[in-house]
N, C-alpha and C. Protein backbone atom coordinates (compact mmCIF):
# COMPACT_ATOMS: atom_id res chain seq x y z
N MET A 1 0.79 -1.31 0.04
CA MET A 1 -0.03 0.01 -0.06
C MET A 1 0.84 1.29 0.01
N ARG A 2 0.54 2.17 -0.99
CA ARG A 2 1.34 3.50 -0.90
C ARG A 2 1.03 4.39 -0.15
N ASP A 3 2.20 5.09 0.47
CA ASP A 3 1.69 6.27 1.39
C ASP A 3 1.48 7.29 0.36
N SER A 4 0.27 8.13 0.52
CA SER A 4 -0.30 9.06 -0.11
C SER A 4 0.89 10.24 -0.02
N SER A 5 1.38 10.63 1.00
CA SER A 5 2.34 11.57 0.92
C SER A 5 3.65 11.37 0.12
N VAL A 6 4.15 10.30 -0.06
CA VAL A 6 5.18 9.68 -0.86
C VAL A 6 4.55 9.71 -2.24
N ALA A 7 3.61 9.19 -2.72
CA ALA A 7 2.99 9.31 -3.95
C ALA A 7 2.72 10.53 -4.56
N SER A 8 2.60 11.43 -3.70
CA SER A 8 2.45 12.93 -4.26
C SER A 8 3.54 13.68 -4.39
N GLN A 9 4.71 13.16 -3.82
CA GLN A 9 5.91 13.67 -3.98
C GLN A 9 6.77 13.17 -5.09
N LEU A 10 6.67 12.04 -5.51
CA LEU A 10 7.21 11.09 -6.25
C LEU A 10 6.52 10.59 -7.37
N ASP A 11 6.85 10.62 -8.26
CA ASP A 11 6.03 10.02 -9.72
C ASP A 11 6.34 8.57 -9.88
N ARG A 12 5.93 7.64 -10.73
CA ARG A 12 6.27 6.50 -10.92
C ARG A 12 7.72 5.78 -11.25
N ILE A 13 8.17 7.02 -11.93
CA ILE A 13 9.67 6.75 -12.41
C ILE A 13 10.59 6.95 -11.33
N ASP A 14 10.19 7.81 -10.60
CA ASP A 14 11.20 7.90 -8.99
C ASP A 14 10.93 6.78 -8.44
N LEU A 15 9.80 6.53 -8.19
CA LEU A 15 9.58 5.07 -7.55
C LEU A 15 10.33 3.82 -7.98
N LYS A 16 10.07 3.92 -9.15
CA LYS A 16 10.56 2.73 -9.71
C LYS A 16 12.33 2.79 -9.52
N ILE A 17 12.86 3.88 -9.67
CA ILE A 17 14.40 4.14 -9.55
C ILE A 17 14.95 3.82 -8.12
N LEU A 18 13.93 4.23 -7.09
CA LEU A 18 14.07 3.81 -5.68
C LEU A 18 14.23 2.20 -5.33
N ARG A 19 13.12 1.63 -6.05
CA ARG A 19 13.05 0.10 -6.24
C ARG A 19 14.22 -0.62 -6.66
N LEU A 20 14.72 0.02 -7.79
CA LEU A 20 15.69 -0.64 -8.44
C LEU A 20 17.26 -0.45 -7.72
N LEU A 21 17.27 0.78 -7.01
CA LEU A 21 18.62 0.96 -6.15
C LEU A 21 18.29 0.21 -5.11
N GLN A 22 17.47 0.01 -4.41
CA GLN A 22 17.05 -0.89 -3.30
C GLN A 22 17.60 -2.23 -3.61
N ALA A 23 17.15 -2.74 -4.69
CA ALA A 23 17.44 -4.35 -4.94
C ALA A 23 18.81 -4.42 -5.47
N ASP A 24 19.64 -3.51 -5.78
CA ASP A 24 20.66 -3.55 -6.59
C ASP A 24 21.48 -2.20 -6.51
N GLY A 25 22.03 -1.71 -5.37
CA GLY A 25 22.60 -0.63 -5.39
C GLY A 25 24.02 -0.22 -6.32
N GLY A 26 24.45 -1.36 -6.70
CA GLY A 26 25.58 -1.33 -7.86
C GLY A 26 25.09 -1.21 -9.14
N MET A 27 23.69 -1.09 -9.29
CA MET A 27 23.23 -1.10 -10.83
C MET A 27 23.67 0.37 -11.48
N GLY A 28 24.40 0.14 -12.53
CA GLY A 28 24.75 1.38 -13.06
C GLY A 28 23.71 2.38 -13.67
N ASN A 29 23.67 3.58 -13.84
CA ASN A 29 22.82 4.55 -14.47
C ASN A 29 22.06 4.25 -15.79
N ALA A 30 23.09 3.63 -16.61
CA ALA A 30 22.78 3.06 -17.82
C ALA A 30 21.58 2.10 -17.76
N GLU A 31 21.71 1.00 -17.01
CA GLU A 31 20.94 -0.09 -16.75
C GLU A 31 19.49 0.20 -16.01
N ILE A 32 19.79 1.48 -14.88
CA ILE A 32 18.35 2.02 -14.40
C ILE A 32 17.70 2.51 -15.54
N ALA A 33 18.30 3.58 -16.41
CA ALA A 33 17.77 4.33 -17.23
C ALA A 33 16.86 3.46 -18.23
N LYS A 34 17.58 2.14 -18.81
CA LYS A 34 16.97 1.35 -19.75
C LYS A 34 15.59 0.67 -18.91
N ARG A 35 15.54 0.44 -17.48
CA ARG A 35 14.41 -0.23 -16.97
C ARG A 35 13.39 0.59 -16.77
N VAL A 36 13.76 1.89 -16.60
CA VAL A 36 12.74 2.93 -16.25
C VAL A 36 12.13 3.63 -17.48
N ASN A 37 12.96 3.42 -18.63
CA ASN A 37 12.69 3.77 -19.92
C ASN A 37 12.78 5.44 -19.96
N THR A 38 13.90 5.63 -19.67
CA THR A 38 14.16 7.27 -19.73
C THR A 38 15.67 7.24 -20.27
N SER A 39 16.14 8.38 -20.81
CA SER A 39 17.38 8.69 -21.06
C SER A 39 18.64 8.62 -19.89
N ALA A 40 19.73 8.20 -20.14
CA ALA A 40 20.70 7.98 -19.01
C ALA A 40 20.74 9.45 -18.47
N ALA A 41 20.63 10.64 -19.17
CA ALA A 41 21.01 12.08 -18.60
C ALA A 41 19.63 12.19 -17.51
N THR A 42 18.45 12.07 -17.85
CA THR A 42 17.52 12.05 -17.33
C THR A 42 17.44 11.14 -16.19
N CYS A 43 17.78 10.12 -16.03
CA CYS A 43 17.98 9.13 -14.96
C CYS A 43 19.01 9.57 -14.04
N HIS A 44 19.86 10.08 -14.58
CA HIS A 44 20.91 10.63 -13.79
C HIS A 44 20.72 11.70 -12.83
N ARG A 45 19.90 12.70 -13.44
CA ARG A 45 19.17 13.79 -12.88
C ARG A 45 18.30 13.48 -11.62
N ARG A 46 17.56 12.63 -12.06
CA ARG A 46 16.57 12.18 -10.89
C ARG A 46 17.16 11.28 -9.88
N THR A 47 18.08 10.51 -10.07
CA THR A 47 18.87 9.76 -9.31
C THR A 47 19.49 10.44 -8.09
N GLN A 48 20.22 11.95 -8.77
CA GLN A 48 21.04 12.83 -8.04
C GLN A 48 19.74 13.67 -7.03
N ARG A 49 18.60 13.88 -7.68
CA ARG A 49 17.60 14.74 -6.98
C ARG A 49 17.30 13.73 -5.82
N LEU A 50 16.81 12.28 -5.88
CA LEU A 50 16.49 11.46 -4.93
C LEU A 50 17.36 11.66 -3.75
N PHE A 51 18.70 11.59 -4.16
CA PHE A 51 20.02 11.48 -2.94
C PHE A 51 19.92 12.94 -2.34
N ALA A 52 19.81 13.85 -3.12
CA ALA A 52 19.78 15.42 -2.51
C ALA A 52 18.51 15.91 -1.70
N GLU A 53 17.28 15.10 -2.08
CA GLU A 53 16.34 15.45 -1.14
C GLU A 53 15.92 14.29 -0.21
N GLY A 54 17.17 13.49 0.04
CA GLY A 54 17.06 12.48 1.30
C GLY A 54 16.24 11.35 1.20
N TYR A 55 15.86 10.95 -0.08
CA TYR A 55 15.03 9.67 -0.24
C TYR A 55 15.99 8.58 -0.21
N VAL A 56 17.25 8.86 -0.67
CA VAL A 56 18.44 7.61 -0.47
C VAL A 56 19.28 8.25 0.36
N SER A 57 19.85 7.46 1.46
CA SER A 57 21.04 8.07 2.44
C SER A 57 22.38 7.50 2.06
N GLY A 58 22.22 6.51 1.17
CA GLY A 58 23.56 5.84 0.76
C GLY A 58 23.51 4.60 0.03
N ILE A 59 24.47 4.22 -0.50
CA ILE A 59 24.42 2.85 -0.83
C ILE A 59 25.72 2.16 -0.61
N ARG A 60 25.37 0.94 -0.16
CA ARG A 60 26.54 -0.14 0.26
C ARG A 60 26.17 -1.31 -0.08
N ALA A 61 27.48 -2.21 -0.02
CA ALA A 61 27.38 -3.65 -0.24
C ALA A 61 26.81 -4.22 0.91
N GLN A 62 26.14 -5.41 0.64
CA GLN A 62 25.62 -6.30 1.70
C GLN A 62 26.70 -7.53 1.95
N VAL A 63 27.66 -7.36 2.85
CA VAL A 63 28.74 -8.42 3.08
C VAL A 63 28.10 -9.72 3.73
N VAL A 64 28.31 -10.78 3.30
CA VAL A 64 27.84 -12.08 4.07
C VAL A 64 28.75 -12.37 5.28
N PRO A 65 28.01 -12.21 6.43
CA PRO A 65 28.63 -12.16 7.73
C PRO A 65 29.38 -13.40 7.94
N GLN A 66 29.02 -14.59 7.53
CA GLN A 66 29.53 -15.86 7.90
C GLN A 66 30.99 -15.76 6.89
N ARG A 67 31.18 -14.98 5.85
CA ARG A 67 32.45 -14.83 5.09
C ARG A 67 33.53 -14.12 5.95
N VAL A 68 32.95 -13.33 6.73
CA VAL A 68 33.90 -12.45 7.77
C VAL A 68 34.10 -12.54 9.07
N ASP A 69 33.60 -13.89 9.09
CA ASP A 69 33.60 -14.49 10.81
C ASP A 69 32.81 -13.82 11.60
N LYS A 70 31.72 -13.38 11.24
CA LYS A 70 30.70 -12.42 12.12
C LYS A 70 29.36 -13.43 11.88
N GLY A 71 29.30 -14.74 12.11
CA GLY A 71 28.04 -15.40 11.78
C GLY A 71 27.05 -15.50 12.80
N ALA A 72 27.18 -15.17 14.13
CA ALA A 72 26.26 -15.13 15.15
C ALA A 72 25.48 -13.67 15.10
N LEU A 73 24.38 -13.78 15.02
CA LEU A 73 23.61 -12.58 14.96
C LEU A 73 22.92 -12.73 16.69
N VAL A 74 22.90 -11.49 17.26
CA VAL A 74 22.71 -11.37 18.72
C VAL A 74 21.84 -10.10 18.93
N ILE A 75 20.66 -10.37 19.43
CA ILE A 75 19.64 -9.13 19.75
C ILE A 75 20.01 -8.86 21.37
N VAL A 76 20.00 -7.68 21.83
CA VAL A 76 20.19 -7.30 23.13
C VAL A 76 19.26 -6.64 23.64
N GLY A 77 18.51 -6.69 24.63
CA GLY A 77 17.30 -5.96 25.07
C GLY A 77 18.14 -5.41 26.34
N VAL A 78 18.12 -3.85 26.33
CA VAL A 78 18.76 -3.14 27.46
C VAL A 78 17.90 -2.26 27.98
N VAL A 79 17.87 -2.34 29.52
CA VAL A 79 17.13 -1.55 30.67
C VAL A 79 18.05 -0.76 31.14
N LEU A 80 17.73 0.68 31.01
CA LEU A 80 18.75 1.69 31.68
C LEU A 80 17.90 2.02 33.23
N ASP A 81 18.82 2.28 34.10
CA ASP A 81 18.51 2.52 35.39
C ASP A 81 17.65 3.85 35.63
N ARG A 82 17.66 4.87 34.64
CA ARG A 82 16.64 5.87 34.59
C ARG A 82 16.21 6.22 33.55
N SER A 83 15.02 6.70 33.14
CA SER A 83 14.54 6.94 32.08
C SER A 83 14.30 8.50 31.93
N THR A 84 15.38 9.04 31.81
CA THR A 84 15.56 10.49 31.62
C THR A 84 16.25 11.03 30.17
N PRO A 85 16.03 11.93 29.65
CA PRO A 85 16.79 12.38 28.57
C PRO A 85 18.08 12.59 28.62
N GLU A 86 18.97 12.85 29.69
CA GLU A 86 20.25 12.84 29.95
C GLU A 86 20.88 11.38 29.96
N SER A 87 20.05 10.39 30.55
CA SER A 87 20.64 9.02 30.64
C SER A 87 20.29 8.44 29.28
N PHE A 88 19.24 8.72 28.49
CA PHE A 88 19.15 8.05 27.10
C PHE A 88 20.17 8.49 26.23
N ALA A 89 20.44 9.97 26.39
CA ALA A 89 21.73 10.73 25.50
C ALA A 89 22.89 10.25 25.73
N ALA A 90 23.24 9.75 27.01
CA ALA A 90 24.53 9.33 27.25
C ALA A 90 24.73 7.99 26.94
N PHE A 91 23.74 7.18 27.03
CA PHE A 91 23.64 5.66 26.39
C PHE A 91 23.81 5.81 24.91
N GLU A 92 22.95 6.58 24.29
CA GLU A 92 23.14 6.64 22.74
C GLU A 92 24.50 7.01 22.22
N ALA A 93 24.95 7.89 22.93
CA ALA A 93 26.50 8.62 22.33
C ALA A 93 27.25 7.43 22.42
N ALA A 94 27.11 6.64 23.75
CA ALA A 94 28.11 5.65 23.81
C ALA A 94 27.90 4.54 22.90
N VAL A 95 26.82 4.31 22.45
CA VAL A 95 26.43 3.14 21.73
C VAL A 95 26.95 3.34 20.06
N ARG A 96 26.82 4.68 19.91
CA ARG A 96 27.24 5.11 18.38
C ARG A 96 28.78 5.00 18.21
N GLY A 97 29.50 5.02 19.50
CA GLY A 97 30.84 4.69 19.44
C GLY A 97 31.32 3.24 19.35
N LEU A 98 30.45 2.43 19.13
CA LEU A 98 30.58 0.87 19.27
C LEU A 98 30.39 0.43 17.70
N ALA A 99 31.64 0.00 16.99
CA ALA A 99 31.50 -0.38 15.81
C ALA A 99 30.57 -1.80 15.47
N ILE A 100 30.85 -2.52 16.45
CA ILE A 100 30.18 -3.80 16.57
C ILE A 100 28.62 -3.94 16.63
N VAL A 101 27.95 -2.57 17.06
CA VAL A 101 26.59 -2.70 17.16
C VAL A 101 26.11 -2.27 15.62
N LEU A 102 25.29 -3.04 15.21
CA LEU A 102 24.74 -2.55 13.72
C LEU A 102 23.57 -1.90 13.78
N ASP A 103 22.56 -1.92 14.84
CA ASP A 103 21.34 -1.40 15.11
C ASP A 103 21.01 -0.73 16.53
N CYS A 104 20.42 0.00 16.85
CA CYS A 104 20.22 0.42 18.06
C CYS A 104 18.81 1.13 18.04
N HIS A 105 17.66 0.58 18.71
CA HIS A 105 16.51 1.38 18.64
C HIS A 105 15.93 1.48 19.97
N LEU A 106 15.41 2.96 20.34
CA LEU A 106 14.77 3.17 21.61
C LEU A 106 13.29 2.47 21.19
N VAL A 107 12.77 1.56 22.32
CA VAL A 107 11.59 1.24 21.97
C VAL A 107 10.57 1.42 23.26
N ALA A 108 9.49 0.91 23.16
CA ALA A 108 8.24 1.11 24.33
C ALA A 108 8.20 -0.35 24.58
N GLY A 109 7.82 -0.56 26.17
CA GLY A 109 7.72 -1.95 26.52
C GLY A 109 8.69 -2.23 27.48
N ASP A 110 9.16 -3.48 27.69
CA ASP A 110 9.74 -3.85 28.86
C ASP A 110 11.31 -3.33 29.02
N PHE A 111 11.85 -3.33 27.73
CA PHE A 111 13.14 -2.71 27.43
C PHE A 111 13.22 -1.25 26.92
N ASP A 112 14.17 -0.38 27.16
CA ASP A 112 14.52 0.57 26.76
C ASP A 112 15.04 0.67 25.24
N TYR A 113 15.88 -0.20 25.10
CA TYR A 113 16.84 -0.40 23.70
C TYR A 113 16.77 -1.68 23.21
N PHE A 114 16.94 -1.98 21.90
CA PHE A 114 17.22 -3.30 21.43
C PHE A 114 18.53 -2.85 20.59
N LEU A 115 19.62 -3.89 20.78
CA LEU A 115 20.69 -3.70 19.92
C LEU A 115 20.68 -4.83 19.12
N LYS A 116 21.24 -4.70 17.82
CA LYS A 116 21.36 -5.84 16.86
C LYS A 116 23.01 -5.73 16.85
N ILE A 117 23.82 -6.80 17.02
CA ILE A 117 24.97 -7.05 17.12
C ILE A 117 25.36 -8.48 16.36
N ARG A 118 26.42 -8.36 15.60
CA ARG A 118 27.11 -9.53 15.02
C ARG A 118 28.52 -9.76 15.56
N VAL A 119 28.66 -10.99 15.98
CA VAL A 119 30.04 -11.55 16.41
C VAL A 119 30.22 -12.93 15.78
N ARG A 120 31.49 -13.35 16.18
CA ARG A 120 31.88 -14.65 15.83
C ARG A 120 31.25 -15.79 16.07
N ASP A 121 31.08 -15.78 17.60
CA ASP A 121 30.38 -16.92 18.26
C ASP A 121 29.81 -16.63 19.55
N MET A 122 29.29 -17.50 20.43
CA MET A 122 28.89 -17.23 21.54
C MET A 122 30.23 -16.40 22.66
N ALA A 123 31.11 -17.26 22.76
CA ALA A 123 32.44 -16.83 23.50
C ALA A 123 32.75 -15.45 23.00
N ASP A 124 32.68 -15.12 21.73
CA ASP A 124 33.13 -13.78 21.28
C ASP A 124 32.07 -12.83 21.94
N PHE A 125 30.86 -12.99 21.96
CA PHE A 125 29.77 -12.27 22.76
C PHE A 125 30.04 -12.15 24.09
N ASN A 126 30.26 -13.15 24.69
CA ASN A 126 30.52 -13.20 26.25
C ASN A 126 31.51 -11.97 26.49
N ARG A 127 32.62 -12.05 25.77
CA ARG A 127 33.65 -11.10 25.99
C ARG A 127 33.18 -9.64 25.89
N LEU A 128 32.61 -9.41 24.84
CA LEU A 128 31.83 -8.02 24.36
C LEU A 128 31.02 -7.74 25.51
N HIS A 129 30.18 -8.68 25.93
CA HIS A 129 29.22 -8.30 27.17
C HIS A 129 29.84 -8.13 28.36
N GLY A 130 30.97 -8.76 28.69
CA GLY A 130 31.53 -8.60 30.00
C GLY A 130 32.42 -7.19 29.85
N ASP A 131 33.11 -7.19 28.85
CA ASP A 131 34.05 -5.76 28.68
C ASP A 131 33.21 -4.59 28.38
N THR A 132 32.20 -4.57 27.33
CA THR A 132 31.66 -3.42 26.94
C THR A 132 30.30 -3.31 27.27
N LEU A 133 29.24 -4.20 27.00
CA LEU A 133 27.88 -3.79 26.85
C LEU A 133 27.54 -3.35 28.29
N ILE A 134 27.85 -4.38 29.66
CA ILE A 134 27.32 -3.94 30.74
C ILE A 134 27.80 -2.59 31.47
N GLY A 135 28.99 -2.16 30.90
CA GLY A 135 29.58 -0.98 31.19
C GLY A 135 29.02 0.53 30.62
N LEU A 136 27.91 0.17 29.66
CA LEU A 136 27.82 1.20 28.98
C LEU A 136 26.94 2.24 30.02
N PRO A 137 26.86 3.69 29.72
CA PRO A 137 26.18 4.41 30.71
C PRO A 137 24.75 4.24 31.05
N GLY A 138 24.57 3.96 32.27
CA GLY A 138 23.15 3.74 32.55
C GLY A 138 22.56 2.53 32.59
N VAL A 139 23.28 1.38 32.04
CA VAL A 139 22.77 0.29 32.16
C VAL A 139 22.40 -0.60 33.28
N ARG A 140 21.42 -0.79 33.55
CA ARG A 140 20.88 -1.58 34.44
C ARG A 140 20.74 -3.14 34.46
N GLN A 141 20.25 -3.40 33.28
CA GLN A 141 20.04 -4.92 32.85
C GLN A 141 20.09 -5.30 31.33
N THR A 142 20.49 -6.23 30.96
CA THR A 142 20.53 -6.69 29.65
C THR A 142 19.92 -8.08 29.46
N ARG A 143 19.13 -8.24 28.34
CA ARG A 143 18.70 -9.56 27.96
C ARG A 143 19.17 -10.14 26.80
N THR A 144 19.80 -11.18 26.66
CA THR A 144 20.63 -11.44 25.25
C THR A 144 19.56 -12.63 24.67
N PHE A 145 19.41 -12.35 23.29
CA PHE A 145 18.56 -13.36 22.28
C PHE A 145 19.59 -13.71 21.09
N PHE A 146 20.21 -14.89 21.32
CA PHE A 146 20.89 -15.22 20.09
C PHE A 146 19.95 -16.01 19.00
N VAL A 147 20.00 -15.35 17.81
CA VAL A 147 19.33 -15.68 16.70
C VAL A 147 19.68 -17.21 16.17
N MET A 148 18.46 -18.05 16.21
CA MET A 148 18.90 -19.29 15.64
C MET A 148 18.72 -19.47 14.17
N LYS A 149 17.87 -18.53 13.65
CA LYS A 149 17.58 -18.51 12.17
C LYS A 149 17.12 -17.10 11.70
N GLU A 150 17.79 -16.72 10.69
CA GLU A 150 17.55 -15.45 10.17
C GLU A 150 16.51 -15.67 9.12
N VAL A 151 15.18 -15.60 9.43
CA VAL A 151 13.86 -15.76 8.30
C VAL A 151 13.98 -14.48 7.47
N ILE A 152 13.78 -13.43 7.87
CA ILE A 152 14.09 -12.03 6.93
C ILE A 152 14.75 -11.01 7.75
N ASP A 153 16.04 -10.63 6.96
CA ASP A 153 16.91 -9.73 7.42
C ASP A 153 17.17 -8.61 6.34
N ASN A 154 16.90 -7.55 6.81
CA ASN A 154 17.21 -6.25 6.07
C ASN A 154 16.43 -6.35 4.70
N ALA A 155 15.06 -6.66 4.85
CA ALA A 155 14.27 -6.49 3.74
C ALA A 155 14.09 -5.23 2.95
N PRO A 156 14.05 -5.28 1.73
CA PRO A 156 13.61 -3.90 1.19
C PRO A 156 12.27 -3.31 1.60
N LEU A 157 12.47 -2.15 1.62
CA LEU A 157 10.95 -1.34 1.96
C LEU A 157 9.90 -1.43 0.91
N GLU A 158 8.64 -1.76 1.25
CA GLU A 158 7.60 -1.64 0.34
C GLU A 158 7.16 -0.38 0.25
N PHE A 159 6.92 0.27 -1.01
CA PHE A 159 6.26 1.39 -1.41
C PHE A 159 5.54 1.45 -2.58
């Protein structure tokens, strides 16, 4: 289902360019232009505008985690000792400095944050947890979930 605010700002060619970039960020401009049935120059202008207007924040390769010895996916629920803007800010600043954290989300419910982390194995995570995670500012409690099977990971947005 399309969001009417997106549909009103982007035409079908823009949306198709976004879908193609999302499916294969390495696709060249000439191939995109061919698939959306525009000239290469027009396609390039549209693509540049989509970047400039913030519809696309970047393009990057999806590295296969197992090939770089990061096959274990771990989700960590974090509870802070205080729910104040200052404690949230301190925690978020510290997490931004950890290259090992793939995602960090402030959530409602039993946890304050969920972290998505990739490590080599359980022993690697155990070291990270003991050396780093429990020492982050304001952390009162963590709960760790080792992912057994990745059913859907980093699926493309539907629009």
